[in-house]
């Protein structure tokens, strides 16, 4: 149990972060507005998740956590794609 505690805590962190993105996606989709959104922030978050995946691949253990990272990347990427879609419509994507 002691060896798996760090992975359980990492999973809880990923779950907590991942849980917030559907709400952000829904808000963007409903409002069709990107006010207050930062694509730079979302790219940094994706980069951080990629680093987490790389760490597990290099370590070669607990590879199941990579799937959680990928799910979180998919959520952030969805929000990022909505950002670019709606910012173009708002005239901000010029």
C-alpha atoms as a PDB file:
ATOM      1  CA  UNK A   1       0.000   0.000   0.000  1.00  0.00           C
ATOM      2  CA  UNK A   2       2.803   2.409   0.859  1.00  0.00           C
ATOM      3  CA  UNK A   3       4.317   2.066  -2.622  1.00  0.00           C
ATOM      4  CA  UNK A   4       0.996   2.720  -4.322  1.00  0.00           C
ATOM      5  CA  UNK A   5       0.049   5.766  -2.231  1.00  0.00           C
ATOM      6  CA  UNK A   6       1.886   8.234  -4.516  1.00  0.00           C
ATOM      7  CA  UNK A   7       0.049   6.803  -7.553  1.00  0.00           C
ATOM      8  CA  UNK A   8      -3.290   6.959  -5.747  1.00  0.00           C
ATOM      9  CA  UNK A   9      -2.635  10.600  -4.860  1.00  0.00           C
ATOM     10  CA  UNK A  10      -1.528  11.355  -8.415  1.00  0.00           C
ATOM     11  CA  UNK A  11      -4.704   9.710  -9.714  1.00  0.00           C
ATOM     12  CA  UNK A  12      -6.789  11.822  -7.305  1.00  0.00           C
ATOM     13  CA  UNK A  13      -5.027  14.981  -8.516  1.00  0.00           C
ATOM     14  CA  UNK A  14      -5.648  14.083 -12.163  1.00  0.00           C
ATOM     15  CA  UNK A  15      -9.259  13.248 -11.394  1.00  0.00           C
ATOM     16  CA  UNK A  16      -9.774  16.565  -9.608  1.00  0.00           C
ATOM     17  CA  UNK A  17      -8.193  18.566 -12.421  1.00  0.00           C
ATOM     18  CA  UNK A  18     -10.002  16.544 -15.068  1.00  0.00           C
ATOM     19  CA  UNK A  19     -13.329  16.966 -13.287  1.00  0.00           C
ATOM     20  CA  UNK A  20     -13.197  20.743 -13.713  1.00  0.00           C
ATOM     21  CA  UNK A  21     -12.735  20.758 -17.498  1.00  0.00           C
ATOM     22  CA  UNK A  22     -16.214  19.500 -18.497  1.00  0.00           C
ATOM     23  CA  UNK A  23     -17.687  22.472 -16.627  1.00  0.00           C
ATOM     24  CA  UNK A  24     -15.380  24.885 -18.464  1.00  0.00           C
ATOM     25  CA  UNK A  25     -16.213  23.224 -21.783  1.00  0.00           C
ATOM     26  CA  UNK A  26     -19.952  23.415 -21.094  1.00  0.00           C
ATOM     27  CA  UNK A  27     -19.704  27.081 -20.110  1.00  0.00           C
ATOM     28  CA  UNK A  28     -17.816  27.950 -23.286  1.00  0.00           C
ATOM     29  CA  UNK A  29     -20.224  25.959 -25.437  1.00  0.00           C
ATOM     30  CA  UNK A  30     -23.332  27.477 -23.847  1.00  0.00           C
ATOM     31  CA  UNK A  31     -22.096  31.065 -23.871  1.00  0.00           C
ATOM     32  CA  UNK A  32     -20.290  30.795 -27.216  1.00  0.00           C
ATOM     33  CA  UNK A  33     -17.821  33.246 -25.703  1.00  0.00           C
ATOM     34  CA  UNK A  34     -14.154  32.895 -24.826  1.00  0.00           C
ATOM     35  CA  UNK A  35     -13.866  35.832 -22.456  1.00  0.00           C
ATOM     36  CA  UNK A  36     -11.410  35.074 -19.682  1.00  0.00           C
ATOM     37  CA  UNK A  37      -9.962  32.049 -21.477  1.00  0.00           C
ATOM     38  CA  UNK A  38      -6.231  31.812 -22.106  1.00  0.00           C
ATOM     39  CA  UNK A  39      -4.981  29.512 -24.854  1.00  0.00           C
ATOM     40  CA  UNK A  40      -1.446  29.903 -23.493  1.00  0.00           C
ATOM     41  CA  UNK A  41      -2.613  28.525 -20.141  1.00  0.00           C
ATOM     42  CA  UNK A  42      -4.298  25.572 -21.833  1.00  0.00           C
ATOM     43  CA  UNK A  43      -1.154  24.811 -23.855  1.00  0.00           C
ATOM     44  CA  UNK A  44       0.897  24.897 -20.644  1.00  0.00           C
ATOM     45  CA  UNK A  45      -1.540  22.499 -18.969  1.00  0.00           C
ATOM     46  CA  UNK A  46      -1.314  20.118 -21.944  1.00  0.00           C
ATOM     47  CA  UNK A  47       2.481  20.356 -21.807  1.00  0.00           C
ATOM     48  CA  UNK A  48       2.398  19.501 -18.101  1.00  0.00           C
ATOM     49  CA  UNK A  49       0.202  16.477 -18.743  1.00  0.00           C
ATOM     50  CA  UNK A  50       2.587  15.354 -21.515  1.00  0.00           C
ATOM     51  CA  UNK A  51       5.467  15.623 -19.042  1.00  0.00           C
ATOM     52  CA  UNK A  52       3.518  13.448 -16.612  1.00  0.00           C
ATOM     53  CA  UNK A  53       3.034  10.826 -19.320  1.00  0.00           C
ATOM     54  CA  UNK A  54       6.733  11.005 -20.232  1.00  0.00           C
ATOM     55  CA  UNK A  55       7.708  10.495 -16.597  1.00  0.00           C
ATOM     56  CA  UNK A  56       5.641   7.319 -16.404  1.00  0.00           C
ATOM     57  CA  UNK A  57       6.964   6.041 -19.717  1.00  0.00           C
ATOM     58  CA  UNK A  58      10.565   6.644 -18.650  1.00  0.00           C
ATOM     59  CA  UNK A  59       9.953   5.048 -15.262  1.00  0.00           C
ATOM     60  CA  UNK A  60       8.108   2.163 -16.902  1.00  0.00           C
ATOM     61  CA  UNK A  61       5.643   1.619 -14.080  1.00  0.00           C
ATOM     62  CA  UNK A  62       2.034   2.522 -13.414  1.00  0.00           C
ATOM     63  CA  UNK A  63       1.407   3.018 -17.123  1.00  0.00           C
ATOM     64  CA  UNK A  64      -2.335   2.912 -16.462  1.00  0.00           C
ATOM     65  CA  UNK A  65      -2.031   6.485 -15.208  1.00  0.00           C
ATOM     66  CA  UNK A  66      -1.075   7.518 -18.753  1.00  0.00           C
ATOM     67  CA  UNK A  67      -4.678   6.840 -19.790  1.00  0.00           C
ATOM     68  CA  UNK A  68      -5.914   9.296 -17.171  1.00  0.00           C
ATOM     69  CA  UNK A  69      -3.429  11.892 -18.429  1.00  0.00           C
ATOM     70  CA  UNK A  70      -4.658  11.278 -21.999  1.00  0.00           C
ATOM     71  CA  UNK A  71      -8.279  11.737 -20.923  1.00  0.00           C
ATOM     72  CA  UNK A  72      -7.349  15.051 -19.281  1.00  0.00           C
ATOM     73  CA  UNK A  73      -5.442  16.113 -22.412  1.00  0.00           C
ATOM     74  CA  UNK A  74      -8.539  15.320 -24.486  1.00  0.00           C
ATOM     75  CA  UNK A  75     -10.674  17.524 -22.231  1.00  0.00           C
ATOM     76  CA  UNK A  76      -8.250  20.450 -22.323  1.00  0.00           C
ATOM     77  CA  UNK A  77      -7.894  20.048 -26.096  1.00  0.00           C
ATOM     78  CA  UNK A  78     -11.667  20.181 -26.469  1.00  0.00           C
ATOM     79  CA  UNK A  79     -11.791  23.443 -24.536  1.00  0.00           C
ATOM     80  CA  UNK A  80      -8.859  24.764 -26.571  1.00  0.00           C
ATOM     81  CA  UNK A  81     -10.567  23.892 -29.855  1.00  0.00           C
ATOM     82  CA  UNK A  82     -13.728  25.653 -28.662  1.00  0.00           C
ATOM     83  CA  UNK A  83     -11.570  28.663 -27.807  1.00  0.00           C
ATOM     84  CA  UNK A  84     -10.204  28.875 -31.350  1.00  0.00           C
ATOM     85  CA  UNK A  85     -13.619  28.195 -32.889  1.00  0.00           C
ATOM     86  CA  UNK A  86     -15.418  30.921 -30.940  1.00  0.00           C
ATOM     87  CA  UNK A  87     -12.547  33.418 -30.956  1.00  0.00           C
ATOM     88  CA  UNK A  88     -12.599  33.298 -34.750  1.00  0.00           C
ATOM     89  CA  UNK A  89     -16.311  34.032 -34.697  1.00  0.00           C
ATOM     90  CA  UNK A  90     -15.741  36.906 -32.227  1.00  0.00           C
ATOM     91  CA  UNK A  91     -13.040  38.349 -34.461  1.00  0.00           C
ATOM     92  CA  UNK A  92     -10.332  37.724 -31.854  1.00  0.00           C
ATOM     93  CA  UNK A  93      -8.594  35.013 -33.854  1.00  0.00           C
ATOM     94  CA  UNK A  94      -7.205  37.362 -36.522  1.00  0.00           C
END
